[in-house]
N, C-alpha and C. Protein backbone atom coordinates (compact mmCIF):
# COMPACT_ATOMS: atom_id res chain seq x y z
N MET A 1 51.65 75.29 20.84
CA MET A 1 51.00 75.89 22.00
C MET A 1 49.50 75.86 21.80
N ASP A 2 48.74 75.45 22.82
CA ASP A 2 47.30 75.39 22.70
C ASP A 2 46.73 76.80 22.55
N ALA A 3 45.85 76.99 21.58
CA ALA A 3 45.29 78.31 21.35
C ALA A 3 44.06 78.51 22.22
N PRO A 4 44.06 79.55 23.09
CA PRO A 4 42.90 79.81 23.91
C PRO A 4 41.76 80.38 23.09
N LEU A 5 40.53 80.15 23.53
CA LEU A 5 39.36 80.62 22.81
C LEU A 5 38.58 81.56 23.70
N THR A 6 38.14 82.69 23.16
CA THR A 6 37.30 83.60 23.91
C THR A 6 35.86 83.14 23.79
N THR A 7 35.18 82.97 24.91
CA THR A 7 33.80 82.51 24.92
C THR A 7 32.89 83.61 25.42
N PRO A 8 31.59 83.57 25.05
CA PRO A 8 30.68 84.61 25.49
C PRO A 8 30.37 84.53 26.98
N ASP A 9 30.00 85.68 27.55
CA ASP A 9 29.49 85.74 28.93
C ASP A 9 30.49 85.24 29.96
N THR A 10 31.78 85.45 29.75
CA THR A 10 32.75 85.11 30.78
C THR A 10 33.90 86.10 30.74
N THR A 11 34.37 86.48 31.92
CA THR A 11 35.51 87.38 32.02
C THR A 11 36.73 86.65 32.54
N ALA A 12 36.69 85.31 32.53
CA ALA A 12 37.80 84.50 33.03
C ALA A 12 39.01 84.69 32.13
N PRO A 13 40.23 84.58 32.69
CA PRO A 13 41.43 84.73 31.87
C PRO A 13 41.52 83.65 30.81
N ALA A 14 42.07 84.02 29.64
CA ALA A 14 42.10 83.12 28.49
C ALA A 14 42.89 81.85 28.77
N GLU A 15 43.90 81.91 29.67
CA GLU A 15 44.71 80.73 29.92
C GLU A 15 43.94 79.62 30.61
N ARG A 16 42.73 79.89 31.04
CA ARG A 16 41.89 78.85 31.66
C ARG A 16 41.28 77.91 30.62
N LEU A 17 41.33 78.26 29.36
CA LEU A 17 40.71 77.44 28.32
C LEU A 17 41.73 77.12 27.24
N HIS A 18 41.96 75.82 26.99
CA HIS A 18 42.89 75.36 25.97
C HIS A 18 42.13 74.53 24.94
N VAL A 19 42.27 74.89 23.67
CA VAL A 19 41.57 74.19 22.58
C VAL A 19 42.62 73.47 21.74
N ILE A 20 42.68 72.16 21.89
CA ILE A 20 43.77 71.36 21.32
C ILE A 20 43.79 71.41 19.79
N CYS A 21 42.62 71.33 19.16
CA CYS A 21 42.57 71.25 17.70
C CYS A 21 42.51 72.61 17.02
N ALA A 22 42.79 73.67 17.78
CA ALA A 22 42.87 74.99 17.15
C ALA A 22 44.08 75.10 16.25
N GLU A 23 45.07 74.23 16.44
CA GLU A 23 46.24 74.18 15.57
C GLU A 23 46.38 72.78 14.99
N PRO A 24 47.02 72.66 13.81
CA PRO A 24 47.15 71.35 13.18
C PRO A 24 47.96 70.37 14.02
N SER A 25 47.43 69.18 14.18
CA SER A 25 48.14 68.08 14.83
C SER A 25 47.36 66.80 14.52
N ILE A 26 47.90 65.66 14.92
CA ILE A 26 47.21 64.39 14.69
C ILE A 26 45.88 64.35 15.43
N ALA A 27 45.72 65.17 16.46
CA ALA A 27 44.44 65.22 17.18
C ALA A 27 43.30 65.61 16.24
N ASN A 28 43.57 66.48 15.27
CA ASN A 28 42.55 66.87 14.30
C ASN A 28 42.07 65.68 13.48
N HIS A 29 42.99 64.78 13.13
CA HIS A 29 42.65 63.59 12.36
C HIS A 29 41.72 62.68 13.17
N PHE A 30 42.08 62.45 14.44
CA PHE A 30 41.25 61.60 15.29
C PHE A 30 39.86 62.21 15.49
N LEU A 31 39.81 63.52 15.66
CA LEU A 31 38.52 64.19 15.84
C LEU A 31 37.67 64.09 14.58
N ALA A 32 38.29 64.25 13.42
CA ALA A 32 37.55 64.14 12.15
C ALA A 32 36.93 62.76 12.00
N GLU A 33 37.68 61.72 12.39
CA GLU A 33 37.14 60.36 12.30
C GLU A 33 35.97 60.17 13.28
N LEU A 34 36.06 60.78 14.45
CA LEU A 34 34.95 60.69 15.40
C LEU A 34 33.68 61.30 14.83
N ARG A 35 33.82 62.37 14.08
CA ARG A 35 32.66 63.08 13.53
C ARG A 35 32.09 62.40 12.28
N ASP A 36 32.93 61.72 11.53
CA ASP A 36 32.55 61.18 10.22
C ASP A 36 31.45 60.12 10.34
N VAL A 37 30.30 60.34 9.69
CA VAL A 37 29.15 59.44 9.85
C VAL A 37 29.43 58.03 9.34
N ASP A 38 30.38 57.88 8.43
CA ASP A 38 30.72 56.55 7.93
C ASP A 38 31.72 55.85 8.85
N ILE A 39 32.77 56.56 9.24
CA ILE A 39 33.80 55.95 10.08
C ILE A 39 33.25 55.63 11.47
N GLN A 40 32.38 56.49 12.00
CA GLN A 40 31.89 56.29 13.36
C GLN A 40 30.96 55.08 13.48
N LYS A 41 30.58 54.48 12.35
CA LYS A 41 29.80 53.23 12.42
C LYS A 41 30.62 52.09 13.01
N ASP A 42 31.93 52.20 12.94
CA ASP A 42 32.83 51.21 13.55
C ASP A 42 33.01 51.59 15.01
N SER A 43 32.26 50.95 15.91
CA SER A 43 32.28 51.35 17.32
C SER A 43 33.64 51.13 17.97
N LEU A 44 34.38 50.10 17.51
CA LEU A 44 35.72 49.87 18.04
C LEU A 44 36.64 51.05 17.72
N ARG A 45 36.59 51.52 16.47
CA ARG A 45 37.42 52.66 16.09
C ARG A 45 36.95 53.93 16.80
N PHE A 46 35.65 54.08 16.98
CA PHE A 46 35.14 55.24 17.68
C PHE A 46 35.68 55.28 19.11
N ARG A 47 35.62 54.15 19.80
CA ARG A 47 36.15 54.11 21.17
C ARG A 47 37.64 54.38 21.18
N ARG A 48 38.35 53.82 20.21
CA ARG A 48 39.82 54.01 20.16
C ARG A 48 40.18 55.48 19.92
N ASN A 49 39.41 56.17 19.07
CA ASN A 49 39.69 57.57 18.82
C ASN A 49 39.39 58.43 20.05
N LEU A 50 38.35 58.08 20.81
CA LEU A 50 38.11 58.77 22.07
C LEU A 50 39.29 58.57 23.01
N GLN A 51 39.79 57.34 23.03
CA GLN A 51 40.93 57.01 23.90
C GLN A 51 42.17 57.79 23.47
N ARG A 52 42.42 57.85 22.16
CA ARG A 52 43.59 58.58 21.66
C ARG A 52 43.54 60.06 22.05
N LEU A 53 42.37 60.67 21.91
CA LEU A 53 42.26 62.08 22.28
C LEU A 53 42.41 62.26 23.79
N GLY A 54 41.96 61.27 24.56
CA GLY A 54 42.21 61.31 25.99
C GLY A 54 43.70 61.30 26.29
N GLU A 55 44.45 60.48 25.56
CA GLU A 55 45.90 60.41 25.76
C GLU A 55 46.57 61.74 25.42
N ILE A 56 46.14 62.35 24.31
CA ILE A 56 46.74 63.61 23.88
C ILE A 56 46.47 64.72 24.89
N ILE A 57 45.23 64.80 25.36
CA ILE A 57 44.90 65.85 26.33
C ILE A 57 45.58 65.58 27.66
N ALA A 58 45.68 64.31 28.05
CA ALA A 58 46.39 63.96 29.28
C ALA A 58 47.84 64.45 29.22
N PHE A 59 48.48 64.25 28.08
CA PHE A 59 49.86 64.72 27.92
C PHE A 59 49.94 66.24 28.05
N ARG A 60 48.98 66.96 27.45
CA ARG A 60 49.00 68.42 27.53
C ARG A 60 48.82 68.87 28.99
N ILE A 61 47.89 68.24 29.69
CA ILE A 61 47.65 68.61 31.08
C ILE A 61 48.88 68.31 31.93
N SER A 62 49.60 67.25 31.60
CA SER A 62 50.74 66.83 32.42
C SER A 62 51.78 67.92 32.58
N SER A 63 51.88 68.83 31.62
CA SER A 63 52.87 69.91 31.72
C SER A 63 52.46 70.97 32.74
N HIS A 64 51.23 70.88 33.25
CA HIS A 64 50.75 71.83 34.24
C HIS A 64 50.74 71.24 35.65
N LEU A 65 51.30 70.05 35.82
CA LEU A 65 51.34 69.39 37.12
C LEU A 65 52.70 69.60 37.78
N SER A 66 52.83 69.14 39.01
CA SER A 66 54.06 69.36 39.80
C SER A 66 54.97 68.14 39.73
N TYR A 67 56.29 68.41 39.66
CA TYR A 67 57.28 67.34 39.53
C TYR A 67 58.38 67.50 40.58
N THR A 68 58.99 66.38 40.91
CA THR A 68 60.08 66.35 41.89
C THR A 68 61.36 65.90 41.20
N PRO A 69 62.44 66.70 41.27
CA PRO A 69 63.71 66.26 40.70
C PRO A 69 64.21 65.00 41.40
N GLN A 70 64.70 64.06 40.61
CA GLN A 70 65.20 62.82 41.20
C GLN A 70 66.24 62.20 40.28
N SER A 71 67.21 61.57 40.90
CA SER A 71 68.24 60.86 40.14
C SER A 71 67.80 59.42 39.95
N VAL A 72 67.91 58.93 38.72
CA VAL A 72 67.51 57.57 38.38
C VAL A 72 68.75 56.77 37.99
N ARG A 73 68.92 55.61 38.63
CA ARG A 73 70.09 54.78 38.33
C ARG A 73 69.83 53.95 37.08
N THR A 74 70.75 54.03 36.14
CA THR A 74 70.68 53.24 34.91
C THR A 74 71.74 52.14 34.99
N PRO A 75 71.78 51.19 34.05
CA PRO A 75 72.83 50.17 34.06
C PRO A 75 74.24 50.75 33.93
N LEU A 76 74.34 52.01 33.41
CA LEU A 76 75.66 52.59 33.16
C LEU A 76 75.95 53.84 33.98
N GLY A 77 75.07 54.20 34.87
CA GLY A 77 75.31 55.40 35.66
C GLY A 77 74.02 55.94 36.24
N GLU A 78 73.95 57.26 36.38
CA GLU A 78 72.77 57.92 36.92
C GLU A 78 72.33 59.03 35.98
N ALA A 79 71.01 59.24 35.92
CA ALA A 79 70.45 60.28 35.06
C ALA A 79 69.52 61.16 35.88
N ALA A 80 69.63 62.46 35.68
CA ALA A 80 68.72 63.39 36.34
C ALA A 80 67.35 63.30 35.68
N SER A 81 66.32 63.29 36.49
CA SER A 81 64.97 63.17 35.95
C SER A 81 64.00 63.98 36.80
N GLN A 82 62.76 64.02 36.37
CA GLN A 82 61.70 64.65 37.14
C GLN A 82 60.52 63.69 37.20
N LEU A 83 60.06 63.39 38.39
CA LEU A 83 58.96 62.46 38.58
C LEU A 83 57.72 63.22 39.03
N LEU A 84 56.58 62.78 38.55
CA LEU A 84 55.31 63.38 38.94
C LEU A 84 55.16 63.32 40.46
N ARG A 85 54.85 64.48 41.06
CA ARG A 85 54.78 64.54 42.51
C ARG A 85 53.68 63.63 43.06
N ASP A 86 52.50 63.70 42.46
CA ASP A 86 51.44 62.76 42.79
C ASP A 86 50.52 62.63 41.59
N PHE A 87 49.99 61.44 41.40
CA PHE A 87 49.13 61.19 40.25
C PHE A 87 47.74 61.78 40.51
N PRO A 88 47.14 62.40 39.49
CA PRO A 88 45.83 63.02 39.69
C PRO A 88 44.72 61.98 39.86
N VAL A 89 43.63 62.41 40.46
CA VAL A 89 42.41 61.60 40.50
C VAL A 89 41.69 61.82 39.18
N LEU A 90 41.31 60.74 38.51
CA LEU A 90 40.60 60.81 37.23
C LEU A 90 39.13 60.50 37.46
N ALA A 91 38.26 61.40 37.07
CA ALA A 91 36.82 61.22 37.27
C ALA A 91 36.10 61.31 35.94
N THR A 92 35.07 60.49 35.76
CA THR A 92 34.30 60.56 34.53
C THR A 92 32.84 60.31 34.79
N VAL A 93 32.03 60.72 33.82
CA VAL A 93 30.59 60.51 33.86
C VAL A 93 30.25 59.32 32.97
N LEU A 94 29.60 58.31 33.56
CA LEU A 94 29.23 57.12 32.81
C LEU A 94 28.12 57.46 31.80
N ARG A 95 28.00 56.75 30.66
CA ARG A 95 28.84 55.69 30.17
C ARG A 95 29.77 56.15 29.07
N ALA A 96 29.38 57.25 28.43
CA ALA A 96 30.13 57.74 27.27
C ALA A 96 31.56 58.10 27.63
N GLY A 97 31.80 58.44 28.90
CA GLY A 97 33.12 58.88 29.30
C GLY A 97 34.15 57.78 29.43
N LEU A 98 33.73 56.51 29.41
CA LEU A 98 34.66 55.42 29.71
C LEU A 98 35.85 55.33 28.75
N PRO A 99 35.66 55.35 27.42
CA PRO A 99 36.84 55.26 26.53
C PRO A 99 37.74 56.49 26.67
N PHE A 100 37.17 57.67 26.81
CA PHE A 100 37.94 58.90 26.99
C PHE A 100 38.74 58.82 28.29
N HIS A 101 38.10 58.35 29.34
CA HIS A 101 38.74 58.15 30.64
C HIS A 101 39.92 57.18 30.52
N GLN A 102 39.75 56.12 29.73
CA GLN A 102 40.81 55.13 29.58
C GLN A 102 42.05 55.75 28.95
N GLY A 103 41.86 56.71 28.05
CA GLY A 103 43.01 57.41 27.47
C GLY A 103 43.83 58.13 28.53
N PHE A 104 43.16 58.78 29.46
CA PHE A 104 43.86 59.44 30.56
C PHE A 104 44.54 58.42 31.47
N LEU A 105 43.86 57.31 31.72
CA LEU A 105 44.40 56.27 32.59
C LEU A 105 45.62 55.60 31.96
N ASN A 106 45.67 55.55 30.63
CA ASN A 106 46.84 54.99 29.95
C ASN A 106 48.10 55.78 30.27
N TYR A 107 47.97 57.09 30.47
CA TYR A 107 49.12 57.93 30.78
C TYR A 107 49.32 58.10 32.28
N PHE A 108 48.24 58.37 32.99
CA PHE A 108 48.32 58.48 34.45
C PHE A 108 47.98 57.12 35.06
N ASP A 109 48.88 56.17 34.85
CA ASP A 109 48.55 54.77 35.12
C ASP A 109 48.51 54.41 36.60
N GLN A 110 48.94 55.32 37.46
CA GLN A 110 48.85 55.09 38.90
C GLN A 110 47.73 55.90 39.55
N SER A 111 46.89 56.50 38.73
CA SER A 111 45.84 57.36 39.25
C SER A 111 44.66 56.55 39.79
N PRO A 112 44.08 56.99 40.93
CA PRO A 112 42.79 56.45 41.35
C PRO A 112 41.69 57.06 40.49
N SER A 113 40.54 56.40 40.44
CA SER A 113 39.45 56.86 39.59
C SER A 113 38.19 57.13 40.39
N ALA A 114 37.39 58.04 39.89
CA ALA A 114 36.07 58.34 40.43
C ALA A 114 35.06 58.23 39.30
N PHE A 115 33.84 57.80 39.62
CA PHE A 115 32.82 57.61 38.60
C PHE A 115 31.49 58.18 39.07
N ALA A 116 30.76 58.77 38.12
CA ALA A 116 29.43 59.30 38.40
C ALA A 116 28.47 58.82 37.33
N ALA A 117 27.24 58.53 37.73
CA ALA A 117 26.17 58.21 36.79
C ALA A 117 25.23 59.40 36.76
N ALA A 118 25.36 60.21 35.73
CA ALA A 118 24.53 61.41 35.59
C ALA A 118 23.93 61.41 34.19
N TYR A 119 22.67 61.78 34.09
CA TYR A 119 22.03 61.80 32.78
C TYR A 119 20.98 62.90 32.75
N ARG A 120 20.71 63.37 31.53
CA ARG A 120 19.71 64.41 31.37
C ARG A 120 18.32 63.80 31.37
N ILE A 121 17.38 64.48 31.98
CA ILE A 121 15.98 64.04 32.01
C ILE A 121 15.29 64.60 30.77
N GLU A 122 14.91 63.71 29.87
CA GLU A 122 14.30 64.14 28.61
C GLU A 122 12.84 64.56 28.83
N GLY A 123 12.36 65.43 27.94
CA GLY A 123 10.96 65.82 27.97
C GLY A 123 10.65 66.97 28.89
N THR A 124 11.66 67.58 29.49
CA THR A 124 11.44 68.73 30.36
C THR A 124 11.67 70.02 29.59
N ALA A 125 11.04 71.08 30.03
CA ALA A 125 11.15 72.36 29.33
C ALA A 125 12.58 72.86 29.31
N GLN A 126 13.29 72.70 30.43
CA GLN A 126 14.69 73.06 30.51
C GLN A 126 15.51 71.81 30.83
N VAL A 127 16.79 71.83 30.43
CA VAL A 127 17.63 70.67 30.66
C VAL A 127 17.81 70.45 32.16
N GLN A 128 17.44 69.25 32.62
CA GLN A 128 17.64 68.86 34.01
C GLN A 128 18.51 67.61 34.04
N VAL A 129 19.34 67.51 35.06
CA VAL A 129 20.28 66.40 35.17
C VAL A 129 20.00 65.61 36.45
N GLN A 130 19.97 64.30 36.31
CA GLN A 130 19.78 63.41 37.45
C GLN A 130 21.12 62.73 37.76
N LEU A 131 21.56 62.80 39.01
CA LEU A 131 22.79 62.14 39.45
C LEU A 131 22.40 61.01 40.37
N ASP A 132 22.63 59.76 39.93
CA ASP A 132 22.17 58.59 40.68
C ASP A 132 23.27 57.87 41.44
N TYR A 133 24.52 58.05 41.03
CA TYR A 133 25.61 57.26 41.62
C TYR A 133 26.89 58.06 41.58
N LEU A 134 27.65 57.97 42.65
CA LEU A 134 28.93 58.67 42.71
C LEU A 134 29.86 57.94 43.66
N THR A 135 31.07 57.65 43.19
CA THR A 135 32.10 57.06 44.05
C THR A 135 33.42 57.74 43.74
N ALA A 136 34.22 57.99 44.79
CA ALA A 136 35.48 58.71 44.59
C ALA A 136 36.40 58.46 45.77
N PRO A 137 37.71 58.58 45.55
CA PRO A 137 38.66 58.57 46.67
C PRO A 137 38.66 59.93 47.36
N ARG A 138 39.45 60.07 48.40
CA ARG A 138 39.60 61.37 49.05
C ARG A 138 40.21 62.36 48.06
N LEU A 139 39.68 63.58 48.06
CA LEU A 139 40.12 64.59 47.09
C LEU A 139 40.90 65.74 47.72
N ASP A 140 40.98 65.80 49.04
CA ASP A 140 41.67 66.91 49.68
C ASP A 140 43.10 67.05 49.18
N GLU A 141 43.41 68.24 48.69
CA GLU A 141 44.77 68.58 48.23
C GLU A 141 45.25 67.71 47.07
N ARG A 142 44.32 67.07 46.35
CA ARG A 142 44.68 66.29 45.17
C ARG A 142 44.45 67.11 43.91
N VAL A 143 45.05 66.68 42.82
CA VAL A 143 44.71 67.20 41.49
C VAL A 143 43.55 66.36 40.96
N LEU A 144 42.48 67.01 40.54
CA LEU A 144 41.32 66.32 39.99
C LEU A 144 41.20 66.63 38.50
N ILE A 145 41.09 65.58 37.69
CA ILE A 145 40.80 65.74 36.26
C ILE A 145 39.44 65.10 36.00
N LEU A 146 38.46 65.93 35.66
CA LEU A 146 37.10 65.47 35.39
C LEU A 146 36.90 65.45 33.88
N VAL A 147 36.59 64.26 33.33
CA VAL A 147 36.53 64.12 31.88
C VAL A 147 35.14 63.66 31.43
N ASP A 148 34.71 64.19 30.30
CA ASP A 148 33.45 63.81 29.67
C ASP A 148 33.57 64.19 28.20
N PRO A 149 33.32 63.27 27.27
CA PRO A 149 33.59 63.59 25.86
C PRO A 149 32.79 64.76 25.30
N MET A 150 31.55 64.95 25.79
CA MET A 150 30.71 66.02 25.24
C MET A 150 30.33 67.00 26.34
N LEU A 151 30.70 68.25 26.17
CA LEU A 151 30.32 69.29 27.10
C LEU A 151 29.26 70.14 26.40
N ALA A 152 28.00 69.80 26.62
CA ALA A 152 26.89 70.49 25.95
C ALA A 152 26.44 71.69 26.79
N THR A 153 25.50 71.48 27.72
CA THR A 153 25.10 72.58 28.61
C THR A 153 26.09 72.76 29.74
N GLY A 154 26.83 71.71 30.08
CA GLY A 154 27.76 71.76 31.21
C GLY A 154 27.11 71.43 32.54
N LYS A 155 25.81 71.21 32.56
CA LYS A 155 25.11 71.00 33.83
C LYS A 155 25.50 69.70 34.51
N SER A 156 25.69 68.62 33.74
CA SER A 156 26.06 67.34 34.36
C SER A 156 27.45 67.42 34.97
N LEU A 157 28.39 68.11 34.30
CA LEU A 157 29.74 68.26 34.85
C LEU A 157 29.74 69.10 36.13
N VAL A 158 29.00 70.19 36.12
CA VAL A 158 28.95 71.06 37.30
C VAL A 158 28.29 70.33 38.46
N GLN A 159 27.19 69.65 38.19
CA GLN A 159 26.51 68.92 39.26
C GLN A 159 27.38 67.80 39.82
N THR A 160 28.07 67.10 38.93
CA THR A 160 28.97 66.03 39.37
C THR A 160 30.10 66.60 40.22
N TYR A 161 30.70 67.68 39.77
CA TYR A 161 31.81 68.27 40.52
C TYR A 161 31.36 68.72 41.91
N ARG A 162 30.23 69.39 41.98
CA ARG A 162 29.75 69.85 43.28
C ARG A 162 29.47 68.68 44.22
N ALA A 163 28.91 67.60 43.68
CA ALA A 163 28.66 66.42 44.51
C ALA A 163 29.96 65.79 44.99
N MET A 164 31.00 65.84 44.16
CA MET A 164 32.29 65.24 44.52
C MET A 164 32.98 65.98 45.65
N LEU A 165 32.63 67.23 45.88
CA LEU A 165 33.30 68.01 46.91
C LEU A 165 33.06 67.46 48.31
N ARG A 166 32.09 66.59 48.47
CA ARG A 166 31.92 65.97 49.79
C ARG A 166 33.07 65.01 50.11
N PHE A 167 33.86 64.66 49.10
CA PHE A 167 35.04 63.81 49.31
C PHE A 167 36.29 64.65 49.59
N GLY A 168 36.17 65.97 49.60
CA GLY A 168 37.30 66.84 49.87
C GLY A 168 37.44 67.91 48.80
N THR A 169 38.32 68.87 49.07
CA THR A 169 38.54 69.99 48.15
C THR A 169 39.86 69.81 47.43
N PRO A 170 39.83 69.63 46.10
CA PRO A 170 41.08 69.47 45.34
C PRO A 170 41.91 70.75 45.36
N ARG A 171 43.22 70.62 45.22
CA ARG A 171 44.08 71.80 45.13
C ARG A 171 44.14 72.33 43.70
N GLN A 172 43.79 71.48 42.73
CA GLN A 172 43.83 71.86 41.33
C GLN A 172 42.76 71.08 40.59
N VAL A 173 42.03 71.74 39.69
CA VAL A 173 40.94 71.10 38.96
C VAL A 173 41.12 71.33 37.47
N HIS A 174 41.04 70.24 36.71
CA HIS A 174 41.06 70.30 35.25
C HIS A 174 39.81 69.60 34.72
N ILE A 175 39.18 70.19 33.71
CA ILE A 175 38.02 69.59 33.07
C ILE A 175 38.35 69.39 31.60
N ALA A 176 38.12 68.17 31.11
CA ALA A 176 38.49 67.84 29.73
C ALA A 176 37.30 67.29 28.97
N ALA A 177 37.16 67.72 27.72
CA ALA A 177 36.11 67.22 26.83
C ALA A 177 36.66 67.14 25.42
N VAL A 178 36.01 66.32 24.60
CA VAL A 178 36.38 66.25 23.19
C VAL A 178 35.74 67.40 22.43
N ILE A 179 34.42 67.54 22.56
CA ILE A 179 33.70 68.61 21.87
C ILE A 179 32.85 69.36 22.88
N ALA A 180 32.88 70.68 22.81
CA ALA A 180 32.10 71.51 23.71
C ALA A 180 31.30 72.53 22.91
N SER A 181 30.27 73.06 23.54
CA SER A 181 29.55 74.21 22.99
C SER A 181 30.06 75.47 23.67
N PRO A 182 29.97 76.63 23.01
CA PRO A 182 30.37 77.88 23.67
C PRO A 182 29.55 78.14 24.93
N GLU A 183 28.25 77.78 24.88
CA GLU A 183 27.38 77.98 26.04
C GLU A 183 27.83 77.12 27.21
N GLY A 184 28.19 75.87 26.94
CA GLY A 184 28.63 74.97 27.99
C GLY A 184 29.95 75.41 28.59
N VAL A 185 30.87 75.87 27.75
CA VAL A 185 32.16 76.35 28.23
C VAL A 185 31.96 77.55 29.15
N ALA A 186 31.14 78.49 28.72
CA ALA A 186 30.90 79.69 29.53
C ALA A 186 30.25 79.32 30.86
N TYR A 187 29.31 78.39 30.86
CA TYR A 187 28.62 77.99 32.09
C TYR A 187 29.60 77.32 33.06
N VAL A 188 30.43 76.41 32.57
CA VAL A 188 31.37 75.72 33.45
C VAL A 188 32.42 76.69 33.99
N MET A 189 32.90 77.59 33.15
CA MET A 189 33.90 78.56 33.62
C MET A 189 33.32 79.48 34.69
N ARG A 190 32.03 79.78 34.56
CA ARG A 190 31.39 80.64 35.55
C ARG A 190 31.12 79.89 36.85
N GLU A 191 30.66 78.64 36.74
CA GLU A 191 30.25 77.88 37.91
C GLU A 191 31.41 77.20 38.64
N ILE A 192 32.51 76.94 37.92
CA ILE A 192 33.69 76.32 38.54
C ILE A 192 34.89 77.20 38.20
N PRO A 193 34.99 78.36 38.83
CA PRO A 193 36.04 79.32 38.45
C PRO A 193 37.45 78.83 38.74
N GLU A 194 37.59 77.80 39.59
CA GLU A 194 38.92 77.28 39.91
C GLU A 194 39.43 76.29 38.86
N ALA A 195 38.61 75.93 37.89
CA ALA A 195 38.97 74.89 36.92
C ALA A 195 39.66 75.46 35.68
N THR A 196 40.58 74.66 35.12
CA THR A 196 41.15 74.90 33.80
C THR A 196 40.49 73.93 32.83
N LEU A 197 40.05 74.43 31.67
CA LEU A 197 39.32 73.61 30.71
C LEU A 197 40.22 73.23 29.54
N TRP A 198 40.10 71.97 29.12
CA TRP A 198 40.85 71.43 27.98
C TRP A 198 39.85 70.79 27.02
N MET A 199 39.72 71.36 25.82
CA MET A 199 38.79 70.88 24.82
C MET A 199 39.54 70.52 23.54
N ALA A 200 39.11 69.45 22.88
CA ALA A 200 39.66 69.22 21.54
C ALA A 200 39.10 70.26 20.59
N ALA A 201 37.79 70.57 20.70
CA ALA A 201 37.17 71.57 19.83
C ALA A 201 36.00 72.20 20.55
N VAL A 202 35.75 73.46 20.24
CA VAL A 202 34.54 74.15 20.69
C VAL A 202 33.71 74.45 19.45
N ASP A 203 32.52 73.87 19.38
CA ASP A 203 31.70 73.95 18.18
C ASP A 203 30.85 75.22 18.14
N GLU A 204 29.96 75.26 17.16
CA GLU A 204 29.23 76.49 16.85
C GLU A 204 28.22 76.88 17.93
N LYS A 205 27.37 75.93 18.36
CA LYS A 205 26.27 76.30 19.25
C LYS A 205 25.56 75.05 19.77
N LEU A 206 24.59 75.28 20.65
CA LEU A 206 23.61 74.27 21.04
C LEU A 206 22.34 74.50 20.24
N ASN A 207 21.66 73.39 19.85
CA ASN A 207 20.37 73.56 19.19
C ASN A 207 19.26 73.66 20.24
N GLU A 208 18.01 73.67 19.80
CA GLU A 208 16.88 73.85 20.72
C GLU A 208 16.75 72.69 21.69
N GLN A 209 17.27 71.52 21.32
CA GLN A 209 17.24 70.35 22.20
C GLN A 209 18.49 70.25 23.06
N ALA A 210 19.32 71.27 23.04
CA ALA A 210 20.56 71.34 23.82
C ALA A 210 21.58 70.29 23.39
N TYR A 211 21.63 69.99 22.08
CA TYR A 211 22.69 69.14 21.53
C TYR A 211 23.67 70.01 20.76
N ILE A 212 24.94 69.61 20.78
CA ILE A 212 26.00 70.41 20.17
C ILE A 212 25.93 70.31 18.64
N ILE A 213 26.01 71.44 17.98
CA ILE A 213 26.02 71.54 16.52
C ILE A 213 27.37 72.09 16.07
N PRO A 214 28.09 71.43 15.12
CA PRO A 214 27.73 70.19 14.43
C PRO A 214 27.95 68.92 15.25
N GLY A 215 28.79 68.96 16.27
CA GLY A 215 28.95 67.82 17.17
C GLY A 215 29.36 66.54 16.48
N LEU A 216 28.86 65.41 17.02
CA LEU A 216 29.14 64.12 16.39
C LEU A 216 28.03 63.10 16.61
N GLY A 217 26.96 63.50 17.29
CA GLY A 217 25.90 62.55 17.62
C GLY A 217 25.98 62.16 19.08
N ASP A 218 25.38 61.01 19.42
CA ASP A 218 25.37 60.53 20.79
C ASP A 218 26.61 59.67 21.04
N ALA A 219 27.57 60.20 21.80
CA ALA A 219 28.85 59.50 22.01
C ALA A 219 28.64 58.17 22.70
N GLY A 220 27.71 58.10 23.66
CA GLY A 220 27.46 56.84 24.36
C GLY A 220 26.92 55.76 23.44
N ASP A 221 25.97 56.12 22.59
CA ASP A 221 25.39 55.16 21.64
C ASP A 221 26.44 54.71 20.63
N LEU A 222 27.24 55.65 20.14
CA LEU A 222 28.25 55.30 19.14
C LEU A 222 29.33 54.41 19.71
N ALA A 223 29.64 54.58 21.00
CA ALA A 223 30.68 53.77 21.63
C ALA A 223 30.16 52.40 22.07
N PHE A 224 28.92 52.35 22.55
CA PHE A 224 28.44 51.13 23.20
C PHE A 224 27.12 50.57 22.69
N GLY A 225 26.54 51.21 21.69
CA GLY A 225 25.28 50.73 21.14
C GLY A 225 24.10 51.54 21.64
N SER A 226 23.01 51.53 20.84
CA SER A 226 21.84 52.32 21.18
C SER A 226 21.17 51.82 22.45
N LYS A 227 20.60 52.75 23.19
CA LYS A 227 19.86 52.41 24.41
C LYS A 227 18.36 52.59 24.18
N ILE A 228 17.57 51.96 25.01
CA ILE A 228 16.12 52.08 24.91
C ILE A 228 15.69 53.36 25.64
């Protein structure tokens, strides 16, 4: 069972936050490799571990979705089964989110996808986020899963979600990250009260530059190479 975490400055019910690596599982191994400064030099393995954690969290979220009983014909008879009522819309923030998103897409293989280009503006006194691009299918009455490997301040996720609402209002919202800060979790829970959060880990804090400590570094650079 996923262990919920109490975060500061929020009165939201504990069942809204699930921390996957709070208990021993193979997810802890994949997360450790993502953090390891030697292993993460292998960008292929780094992307694969992001994808694996996406698959694990996708499976956990799947138990909170709606299913329809159905009989399936086999070569030797019929078997009672349950089929997903509708596949969720998968949304991610470019570029670091792509391998993590692929993990979700591996399991929700019939899902439509939404993408946003959002980035923090460096050199400002407070963290500011610029959203330059957004594309999505209709969201009315759909399940939306918004994924981003690092939930630092939470501002890019909140801004992306609010911008996506012009495509419709989802009936259910899930937000997934690999590593989050307590500050980011509290901010997202406050600003998107309808969302359920799924984190592999919630780390100690944000530093003065609003990076997660101990974190793992820049997920986008580690997955795809350094940017100018």
